[in-house]
Amino acid sequence: MKKLSIIITILTGTLLSPIAFANNAEAPKETLISLTDACTKMASEEQIDSIEKQQFVSDCVNAQLIEMGYQRQEAIAKTNLLKDNL
């Protein structure tokens, strides 16, 4: 149930933010931060091993980006997605 509410929150927030008009547009940093945070929380809830956590988060974020019409990210590094960098 928590996963569903997280995904709904992400999608609602993303749909209310500016949408990519062209296919494969680069996602805004705010979207990347939101998706990364949500996917990291899901990894914790699923008790993903720390070794596999980075790959899980990367796959999760990229799946959401593709569904939203954005380019996939080659590397998802949470350190590069700090809110201070916006």
PDB file of N, CA and C in Angstrom:
ATOM      1  N   MET A   1       0.822  -1.186   0.000  1.00  0.00           N
ATOM      2  CA  MET A   1       0.000   0.000   0.000  1.00  0.00           C
ATOM      3  C   MET A   1       0.867   1.251   0.000  1.00  0.00           C
ATOM      4  N   LYS A   2       1.999   1.208   0.744  1.00  0.00           N
ATOM      5  CA  LYS A   2       2.886   2.358   0.774  1.00  0.00           C
ATOM      6  C   LYS A   2       3.476   2.619  -0.605  1.00  0.00           C
ATOM      7  N   LYS A   3       3.814   1.543  -1.319  1.00  0.00           N
ATOM      8  CA  LYS A   3       4.377   1.707  -2.663  1.00  0.00           C
ATOM      9  C   LYS A   3       3.387   2.420  -3.573  1.00  0.00           C
ATOM     10  N   LEU A   4       2.140   2.027  -3.480  1.00  0.00           N
ATOM     11  CA  LEU A   4       1.114   2.633  -4.320  1.00  0.00           C
ATOM     12  C   LEU A   4       0.967   4.112  -4.011  1.00  0.00           C
ATOM     13  N   SER A   5       0.963   4.454  -2.743  1.00  0.00           N
ATOM     14  CA  SER A   5       0.816   5.870  -2.383  1.00  0.00           C
ATOM     15  C   SER A   5       2.033   6.679  -2.812  1.00  0.00           C
ATOM     16  N   ILE A   6       3.221   6.084  -2.739  1.00  0.00           N
ATOM     17  CA  ILE A   6       4.436   6.776  -3.195  1.00  0.00           C
ATOM     18  C   ILE A   6       4.363   7.018  -4.691  1.00  0.00           C
ATOM     19  N   ILE A   7       3.982   6.008  -5.434  1.00  0.00           N
ATOM     20  CA  ILE A   7       3.909   6.140  -6.890  1.00  0.00           C
ATOM     21  C   ILE A   7       2.849   7.160  -7.281  1.00  0.00           C
ATOM     22  N   ILE A   8       1.708   7.143  -6.613  1.00  0.00           N
ATOM     23  CA  ILE A   8       0.650   8.118  -6.910  1.00  0.00           C
ATOM     24  C   ILE A   8       1.144   9.527  -6.607  1.00  0.00           C
ATOM     25  N   THR A   9       1.844   9.695  -5.504  1.00  0.00           N
ATOM     26  CA  THR A   9       2.388  11.005  -5.152  1.00  0.00           C
ATOM     27  C   THR A   9       3.364  11.489  -6.206  1.00  0.00           C
ATOM     28  N   ILE A  10       4.237  10.606  -6.655  1.00  0.00           N
ATOM     29  CA  ILE A  10       5.219  10.974  -7.678  1.00  0.00           C
ATOM     30  C   ILE A  10       4.518  11.368  -8.964  1.00  0.00           C
ATOM     31  N   LEU A  11       3.599  10.531  -9.398  1.00  0.00           N
ATOM     32  CA  LEU A  11       2.924  10.800 -10.660  1.00  0.00           C
ATOM     33  C   LEU A  11       2.083  12.068 -10.588  1.00  0.00           C
ATOM     34  N   THR A  12       1.431  12.296  -9.469  1.00  0.00           N
ATOM     35  CA  THR A  12       0.628  13.507  -9.318  1.00  0.00           C
ATOM     36  C   THR A  12       1.519  14.740  -9.357  1.00  0.00           C
ATOM     37  N   GLY A  13       2.603  14.700  -8.612  1.00  0.00           N
ATOM     38  CA  GLY A  13       3.529  15.829  -8.593  1.00  0.00           C
ATOM     39  C   GLY A  13       4.156  16.062  -9.945  1.00  0.00           C
ATOM     40  N   THR A  14       4.460  15.005 -10.631  1.00  0.00           N
ATOM     41  CA  THR A  14       5.087  15.123 -11.940  1.00  0.00           C
ATOM     42  C   THR A  14       4.098  15.620 -12.978  1.00  0.00           C
ATOM     43  N   LEU A  15       2.873  15.152 -12.913  1.00  0.00           N
ATOM     44  CA  LEU A  15       1.883  15.584 -13.882  1.00  0.00           C
ATOM     45  C   LEU A  15       1.527  17.054 -13.699  1.00  0.00           C
ATOM     46  N   LEU A  16       1.652  17.536 -12.489  1.00  0.00           N
ATOM     47  CA  LEU A  16       1.354  18.932 -12.244  1.00  0.00           C
ATOM     48  C   LEU A  16       2.530  19.848 -12.581  1.00  0.00           C
ATOM     49  N   SER A  17       3.718  19.261 -12.716  1.00  0.00           N
ATOM     50  CA  SER A  17       4.889  20.038 -13.111  1.00  0.00           C
ATOM     51  C   SER A  17       4.925  20.107 -14.633  1.00  0.00           C
ATOM     52  N   PRO A  18       5.767  20.946 -15.193  1.00  0.00           N
ATOM     53  CA  PRO A  18       5.840  21.021 -16.661  1.00  0.00           C
ATOM     54  C   PRO A  18       6.132  19.650 -17.268  1.00  0.00           C
ATOM     55  N   ILE A  19       5.396  19.314 -18.301  1.00  0.00           N
ATOM     56  CA  ILE A  19       5.526  18.016 -18.966  1.00  0.00           C
ATOM     57  C   ILE A  19       6.478  18.161 -20.149  1.00  0.00           C
ATOM     58  N   ALA A  20       7.207  17.102 -20.429  1.00  0.00           N
ATOM     59  CA  ALA A  20       8.093  17.104 -21.599  1.00  0.00           C
ATOM     60  C   ALA A  20       7.222  17.041 -22.843  1.00  0.00           C
ATOM     61  N   PHE A  21       7.385  18.003 -23.719  1.00  0.00           N
ATOM     62  CA  PHE A  21       6.561  18.048 -24.922  1.00  0.00           C
ATOM     63  C   PHE A  21       7.106  17.157 -26.027  1.00  0.00           C
ATOM     64  N   ALA A  22       8.396  16.967 -26.070  1.00  0.00           N
ATOM     65  CA  ALA A  22       8.994  16.109 -27.090  1.00  0.00           C
ATOM     66  C   ALA A  22       9.399  14.796 -26.440  1.00  0.00           C
ATOM     67  N   ASN A  23       9.286  13.730 -27.190  1.00  0.00           N
ATOM     68  CA  ASN A  23       9.723  12.441 -26.670  1.00  0.00           C
ATOM     69  C   ASN A  23      11.204  12.499 -26.366  1.00  0.00           C
ATOM     70  N   ASN A  24      11.582  11.817 -25.321  1.00  0.00           N
ATOM     71  CA  ASN A  24      12.975  11.696 -24.921  1.00  0.00           C
ATOM     72  C   ASN A  24      13.620  13.020 -24.539  1.00  0.00           C
ATOM     73  N   ALA A  25      12.860  13.936 -23.990  1.00  0.00           N
ATOM     74  CA  ALA A  25      13.422  15.169 -23.456  1.00  0.00           C
ATOM     75  C   ALA A  25      14.125  14.849 -22.144  1.00  0.00           C
ATOM     76  N   GLU A  26      15.064  15.662 -21.788  1.00  0.00           N
ATOM     77  CA  GLU A  26      15.772  15.464 -20.525  1.00  0.00           C
ATOM     78  C   GLU A  26      14.863  15.868 -19.364  1.00  0.00           C
ATOM     79  N   ALA A  27      14.831  15.050 -18.345  1.00  0.00           N
ATOM     80  CA  ALA A  27      13.963  15.310 -17.190  1.00  0.00           C
ATOM     81  C   ALA A  27      14.528  16.448 -16.341  1.00  0.00           C
ATOM     82  N   PRO A  28      13.648  17.271 -15.781  1.00  0.00           N
ATOM     83  CA  PRO A  28      14.106  18.320 -14.859  1.00  0.00           C
ATOM     84  C   PRO A  28      14.720  17.700 -13.599  1.00  0.00           C
ATOM     85  N   LYS A  29      15.642  18.423 -12.983  1.00  0.00           N
ATOM     86  CA  LYS A  29      16.294  17.908 -11.779  1.00  0.00           C
ATOM     87  C   LYS A  29      15.291  17.629 -10.673  1.00  0.00           C
ATOM     88  N   GLU A  30      14.247  18.451 -10.572  1.00  0.00           N
ATOM     89  CA  GLU A  30      13.239  18.237  -9.532  1.00  0.00           C
ATOM     90  C   GLU A  30      12.579  16.870  -9.690  1.00  0.00           C
ATOM     91  N   THR A  31      12.322  16.483 -10.941  1.00  0.00           N
ATOM     92  CA  THR A  31      11.718  15.182 -11.213  1.00  0.00           C
ATOM     93  C   THR A  31      12.685  14.065 -10.845  1.00  0.00           C
ATOM     94  N   LEU A  32      13.953  14.225 -11.211  1.00  0.00           N
ATOM     95  CA  LEU A  32      14.963  13.211 -10.876  1.00  0.00           C
ATOM     96  C   LEU A  32      15.100  13.050  -9.367  1.00  0.00           C
ATOM     97  N   ILE A  33      15.095  14.161  -8.655  1.00  0.00           N
ATOM     98  CA  ILE A  33      15.201  14.100  -7.191  1.00  0.00           C
ATOM     99  C   ILE A  33      13.994  13.374  -6.600  1.00  0.00           C
ATOM    100  N   SER A  34      12.813  13.730  -7.056  1.00  0.00           N
ATOM    101  CA  SER A  34      11.589  13.114  -6.555  1.00  0.00           C
ATOM    102  C   SER A  34      11.571  11.611  -6.822  1.00  0.00           C
ATOM    103  N   LEU A  35      11.894  11.231  -8.045  1.00  0.00           N
ATOM    104  CA  LEU A  35      11.898   9.809  -8.396  1.00  0.00           C
ATOM    105  C   LEU A  35      12.975   9.047  -7.628  1.00  0.00           C
ATOM    106  N   THR A  36      14.147   9.637  -7.499  1.00  0.00           N
ATOM    107  CA  THR A  36      15.235   8.978  -6.782  1.00  0.00           C
ATOM    108  C   THR A  36      14.864   8.768  -5.318  1.00  0.00           C
ATOM    109  N   ASP A  37      14.285   9.784  -4.695  1.00  0.00           N
ATOM    110  CA  ASP A  37      13.859   9.643  -3.295  1.00  0.00           C
ATOM    111  C   ASP A  37      12.814   8.542  -3.134  1.00  0.00           C
ATOM    112  N   ALA A  38      11.815   8.540  -4.021  1.00  0.00           N
ATOM    113  CA  ALA A  38      10.749   7.530  -3.935  1.00  0.00           C
ATOM    114  C   ALA A  38      11.301   6.126  -4.163  1.00  0.00           C
ATOM    115  N   CYS A  39      12.173   5.975  -5.150  1.00  0.00           N
ATOM    116  CA  CYS A  39      12.732   4.648  -5.445  1.00  0.00           C
ATOM    117  C   CYS A  39      13.664   4.178  -4.327  1.00  0.00           C
ATOM    118  N   THR A  40      14.372   5.107  -3.702  1.00  0.00           N
ATOM    119  CA  THR A  40      15.233   4.757  -2.568  1.00  0.00           C
ATOM    120  C   THR A  40      14.383   4.278  -1.392  1.00  0.00           C
ATOM    121  N   LYS A  41      13.254   4.938  -1.161  1.00  0.00           N
ATOM    122  CA  LYS A  41      12.340   4.514  -0.095  1.00  0.00           C
ATOM    123  C   LYS A  41      11.772   3.125  -0.381  1.00  0.00           C
ATOM    124  N   MET A  42      11.424   2.888  -1.652  1.00  0.00           N
ATOM    125  CA  MET A  42      10.901   1.563  -2.014  1.00  0.00           C
ATOM    126  C   MET A  42      11.965   0.497  -1.803  1.00  0.00           C
ATOM    127  N   ALA A  43      13.216   0.796  -2.144  1.00  0.00           N
ATOM    128  CA  ALA A  43      14.301  -0.164  -1.947  1.00  0.00           C
ATOM    129  C   ALA A  43      14.457  -0.499  -0.464  1.00  0.00           C
ATOM    130  N   SER A  44      14.315   0.506   0.382  1.00  0.00           N
ATOM    131  CA  SER A  44      14.403   0.278   1.832  1.00  0.00           C
ATOM    132  C   SER A  44      13.241  -0.570   2.327  1.00  0.00           C
ATOM    133  N   GLU A  45      12.038  -0.261   1.833  1.00  0.00           N
ATOM    134  CA  GLU A  45      10.857  -1.032   2.239  1.00  0.00           C
ATOM    135  C   GLU A  45      10.945  -2.482   1.777  1.00  0.00           C
ATOM    136  N   GLU A  46      11.541  -2.678   0.601  1.00  0.00           N
ATOM    137  CA  GLU A  46      11.688  -4.032   0.055  1.00  0.00           C
ATOM    138  C   GLU A  46      12.898  -4.749   0.642  1.00  0.00           C
ATOM    139  N   GLN A  47      13.651  -4.040   1.483  1.00  0.00           N
ATOM    140  CA  GLN A  47      14.854  -4.571   2.123  1.00  0.00           C
ATOM    141  C   GLN A  47      15.862  -5.093   1.098  1.00  0.00           C
ATOM    142  N   ILE A  48      16.095  -4.271   0.078  1.00  0.00           N
ATOM    143  CA  ILE A  48      17.077  -4.610  -0.955  1.00  0.00           C
ATOM    144  C   ILE A  48      18.471  -4.495  -0.352  1.00  0.00           C
ATOM    145  N   ASP A  49      19.329  -5.487  -0.631  1.00  0.00           N
ATOM    146  CA  ASP A  49      20.702  -5.448  -0.135  1.00  0.00           C
ATOM    147  C   ASP A  49      21.409  -4.202  -0.628  1.00  0.00           C
ATOM    148  N   SER A  50      22.325  -3.684   0.175  1.00  0.00           N
ATOM    149  CA  SER A  50      23.031  -2.464  -0.195  1.00  0.00           C
ATOM    150  C   SER A  50      23.819  -2.640  -1.495  1.00  0.00           C
ATOM    151  N   ILE A  51      24.262  -3.837  -1.768  1.00  0.00           N
ATOM    152  CA  ILE A  51      25.004  -4.111  -3.006  1.00  0.00           C
ATOM    153  C   ILE A  51      24.099  -3.917  -4.217  1.00  0.00           C
ATOM    154  N   GLU A  52      22.851  -4.311  -4.108  1.00  0.00           N
ATOM    155  CA  GLU A  52      21.911  -4.235  -5.224  1.00  0.00           C
ATOM    156  C   GLU A  52      21.080  -2.951  -5.216  1.00  0.00           C
ATOM    157  N   LYS A  53      21.172  -2.174  -4.161  1.00  0.00           N
ATOM    158  CA  LYS A  53      20.314  -1.003  -3.998  1.00  0.00           C
ATOM    159  C   LYS A  53      20.520   0.026  -5.105  1.00  0.00           C
ATOM    160  N   GLN A  54      21.772   0.327  -5.452  1.00  0.00           N
ATOM    161  CA  GLN A  54      22.045   1.339  -6.484  1.00  0.00           C
ATOM    162  C   GLN A  54      21.409   0.920  -7.819  1.00  0.00           C
ATOM    163  N   GLN A  55      21.542  -0.358  -8.176  1.00  0.00           N
ATOM    164  CA  GLN A  55      20.969  -0.836  -9.431  1.00  0.00           C
ATOM    165  C   GLN A  55      19.439  -0.792  -9.379  1.00  0.00           C
ATOM    166  N   PHE A  56      18.872  -1.173  -8.247  1.00  0.00           N
ATOM    167  CA  PHE A  56      17.421  -1.133  -8.071  1.00  0.00           C
ATOM    168  C   PHE A  56      16.902   0.287  -8.266  1.00  0.00           C
ATOM    169  N   VAL A  57      17.545   1.254  -7.608  1.00  0.00           N
ATOM    170  CA  VAL A  57      17.116   2.655  -7.704  1.00  0.00           C
ATOM    171  C   VAL A  57      17.267   3.151  -9.135  1.00  0.00           C
ATOM    172  N   SER A  58      18.374   2.816  -9.768  1.00  0.00           N
ATOM    173  CA  SER A  58      18.606   3.233 -11.154  1.00  0.00           C
ATOM    174  C   SER A  58      17.537   2.669 -12.087  1.00  0.00           C
ATOM    175  N   ASP A  59      17.251   1.390 -11.954  1.00  0.00           N
ATOM    176  CA  ASP A  59      16.224   0.755 -12.789  1.00  0.00           C
ATOM    177  C   ASP A  59      14.848   1.357 -12.534  1.00  0.00           C
ATOM    178  N   CYS A  60      14.545   1.598 -11.274  1.00  0.00           N
ATOM    179  CA  CYS A  60      13.252   2.170 -10.879  1.00  0.00           C
ATOM    180  C   CYS A  60      13.084   3.566 -11.468  1.00  0.00           C
ATOM    181  N   VAL A  61      14.087   4.414 -11.303  1.00  0.00           N
ATOM    182  CA  VAL A  61      14.025   5.783 -11.816  1.00  0.00           C
ATOM    183  C   VAL A  61      13.900   5.772 -13.330  1.00  0.00           C
ATOM    184  N   ASN A  62      14.706   4.965 -13.997  1.00  0.00           N
ATOM    185  CA  ASN A  62      14.664   4.916 -15.462  1.00  0.00           C
ATOM    186  C   ASN A  62      13.329   4.408 -15.983  1.00  0.00           C
ATOM    187  N   ALA A  63      12.739   3.452 -15.310  1.00  0.00           N
ATOM    188  CA  ALA A  63      11.425   2.954 -15.736  1.00  0.00           C
ATOM    189  C   ALA A  63      10.389   4.073 -15.656  1.00  0.00           C
ATOM    190  N   GLN A  64      10.431   4.850 -14.591  1.00  0.00           N
ATOM    191  CA  GLN A  64       9.491   5.956 -14.442  1.00  0.00           C
ATOM    192  C   GLN A  64       9.756   7.051 -15.472  1.00  0.00           C
ATOM    193  N   LEU A  65      11.028   7.354 -15.717  1.00  0.00           N
ATOM    194  CA  LEU A  65      11.377   8.386 -16.706  1.00  0.00           C
ATOM    195  C   LEU A  65      10.868   8.008 -18.093  1.00  0.00           C
ATOM    196  N   ILE A  66      11.063   6.767 -18.465  1.00  0.00           N
ATOM    197  CA  ILE A  66      10.623   6.303 -19.792  1.00  0.00           C
ATOM    198  C   ILE A  66       9.108   6.396 -19.901  1.00  0.00           C
ATOM    199  N   GLU A  67       8.389   5.991 -18.850  1.00  0.00           N
ATOM    200  CA  GLU A  67       6.925   6.087 -18.858  1.00  0.00           C
ATOM    201  C   GLU A  67       6.453   7.527 -19.016  1.00  0.00           C
ATOM    202  N   MET A  68       7.241   8.449 -18.496  1.00  0.00           N
ATOM    203  CA  MET A  68       6.876   9.856 -18.532  1.00  0.00           C
ATOM    204  C   MET A  68       7.352  10.542 -19.812  1.00  0.00           C
ATOM    205  N   GLY A  69       8.057   9.817 -20.675  1.00  0.00           N
ATOM    206  CA  GLY A  69       8.517  10.378 -21.937  1.00  0.00           C
ATOM    207  C   GLY A  69       9.854  11.072 -21.872  1.00  0.00           C
ATOM    208  N   TYR A  70      10.581  10.873 -20.787  1.00  0.00           N
ATOM    209  CA  TYR A  70      11.904  11.476 -20.645  1.00  0.00           C
ATOM    210  C   TYR A  70      12.995  10.492 -21.050  1.00  0.00           C
ATOM    211  N   GLN A  71      14.192  11.035 -21.262  1.00  0.00           N
ATOM    212  CA  GLN A  71      15.362  10.200 -21.530  1.00  0.00           C
ATOM    213  C   GLN A  71      15.701   9.415 -20.268  1.00  0.00           C
ATOM    214  N   ARG A  72      16.195   8.206 -20.484  1.00  0.00           N
ATOM    215  CA  ARG A  72      16.702   7.456 -19.345  1.00  0.00           C
ATOM    216  C   ARG A  72      18.052   8.038 -18.943  1.00  0.00           C
ATOM    217  N   GLN A  73      18.413   7.879 -17.707  1.00  0.00           N
ATOM    218  CA  GLN A  73      19.679   8.382 -17.189  1.00  0.00           C
ATOM    219  C   GLN A  73      20.684   7.240 -17.165  1.00  0.00           C
ATOM    220  N   GLU A  74      21.861   7.497 -17.678  1.00  0.00           N
ATOM    221  CA  GLU A  74      22.892   6.453 -17.685  1.00  0.00           C
ATOM    222  C   GLU A  74      23.320   6.090 -16.270  1.00  0.00           C
ATOM    223  N   ALA A  75      23.498   7.092 -15.444  1.00  0.00           N
ATOM    224  CA  ALA A  75      23.908   6.834 -14.063  1.00  0.00           C
ATOM    225  C   ALA A  75      23.081   7.715 -13.141  1.00  0.00           C
ATOM    226  N   ILE A  76      22.483   7.093 -12.162  1.00  0.00           N
ATOM    227  CA  ILE A  76      21.716   7.835 -11.170  1.00  0.00           C
ATOM    228  C   ILE A  76      22.592   7.923  -9.925  1.00  0.00           C
ATOM    229  N   ALA A  77      23.105   9.091  -9.668  1.00  0.00           N
ATOM    230  CA  ALA A  77      23.942   9.296  -8.490  1.00  0.00           C
ATOM    231  C   ALA A  77      23.238  10.280  -7.574  1.00  0.00           C
ATOM    232  N   LYS A  78      22.800   9.812  -6.432  1.00  0.00           N
ATOM    233  CA  LYS A  78      22.037  10.657  -5.519  1.00  0.00           C
ATOM    234  C   LYS A  78      22.840  11.874  -5.104  1.00  0.00           C
ATOM    235  N   THR A  79      24.155  11.743  -5.025  1.00  0.00           N
ATOM    236  CA  THR A  79      24.977  12.880  -4.622  1.00  0.00           C
ATOM    237  C   THR A  79      24.889  14.012  -5.631  1.00  0.00           C
ATOM    238  N   ASN A  80      24.579  13.697  -6.895  1.00  0.00           N
ATOM    239  CA  ASN A  80      24.445  14.726  -7.917  1.00  0.00           C
ATOM    240  C   ASN A  80      23.051  15.330  -7.935  1.00  0.00           C
ATOM    241  N   LEU A  81      22.147  14.793  -7.154  1.00  0.00           N
ATOM    242  CA  LEU A  81      20.762  15.251  -7.162  1.00  0.00           C
ATOM    243  C   LEU A  81      20.365  15.903  -5.850  1.00  0.00           C
ATOM    244  N   LEU A  82      21.270  16.631  -5.269  1.00  0.00           N
ATOM    245  CA  LEU A  82      20.956  17.334  -4.035  1.00  0.00           C
ATOM    246  C   LEU A  82      20.099  18.547  -4.331  1.00  0.00           C
ATOM    247  N   LYS A  83      19.173  18.835  -3.476  1.00  0.00           N
ATOM    248  CA  LYS A  83      18.269  19.959  -3.684  1.00  0.00           C
ATOM    249  C   LYS A  83      19.024  21.276  -3.759  1.00  0.00           C
ATOM    250  N   ASP A  84      20.216  21.356  -3.159  1.00  0.00           N
ATOM    251  CA  ASP A  84      21.010  22.580  -3.201  1.00  0.00           C
ATOM    252  C   ASP A  84      21.521  22.868  -4.610  1.00  0.00           C
ATOM    253  N   ASN A  85      21.595  21.859  -5.458  1.00  0.00           N
ATOM    254  CA  ASN A  85      22.123  22.017  -6.811  1.00  0.00           C
ATOM    255  C   ASN A  85      21.087  22.498  -7.799  1.00  0.00           C
ATOM    256  N   LEU A  86      19.855  22.716  -7.363  1.00  0.00           N
ATOM    257  CA  LEU A  86      18.792  23.116  -8.286  1.00  0.00           C
ATOM    258  C   LEU A  86      18.944  24.545  -8.713  1.00  0.00           C
TER     259      LEU A  86
END
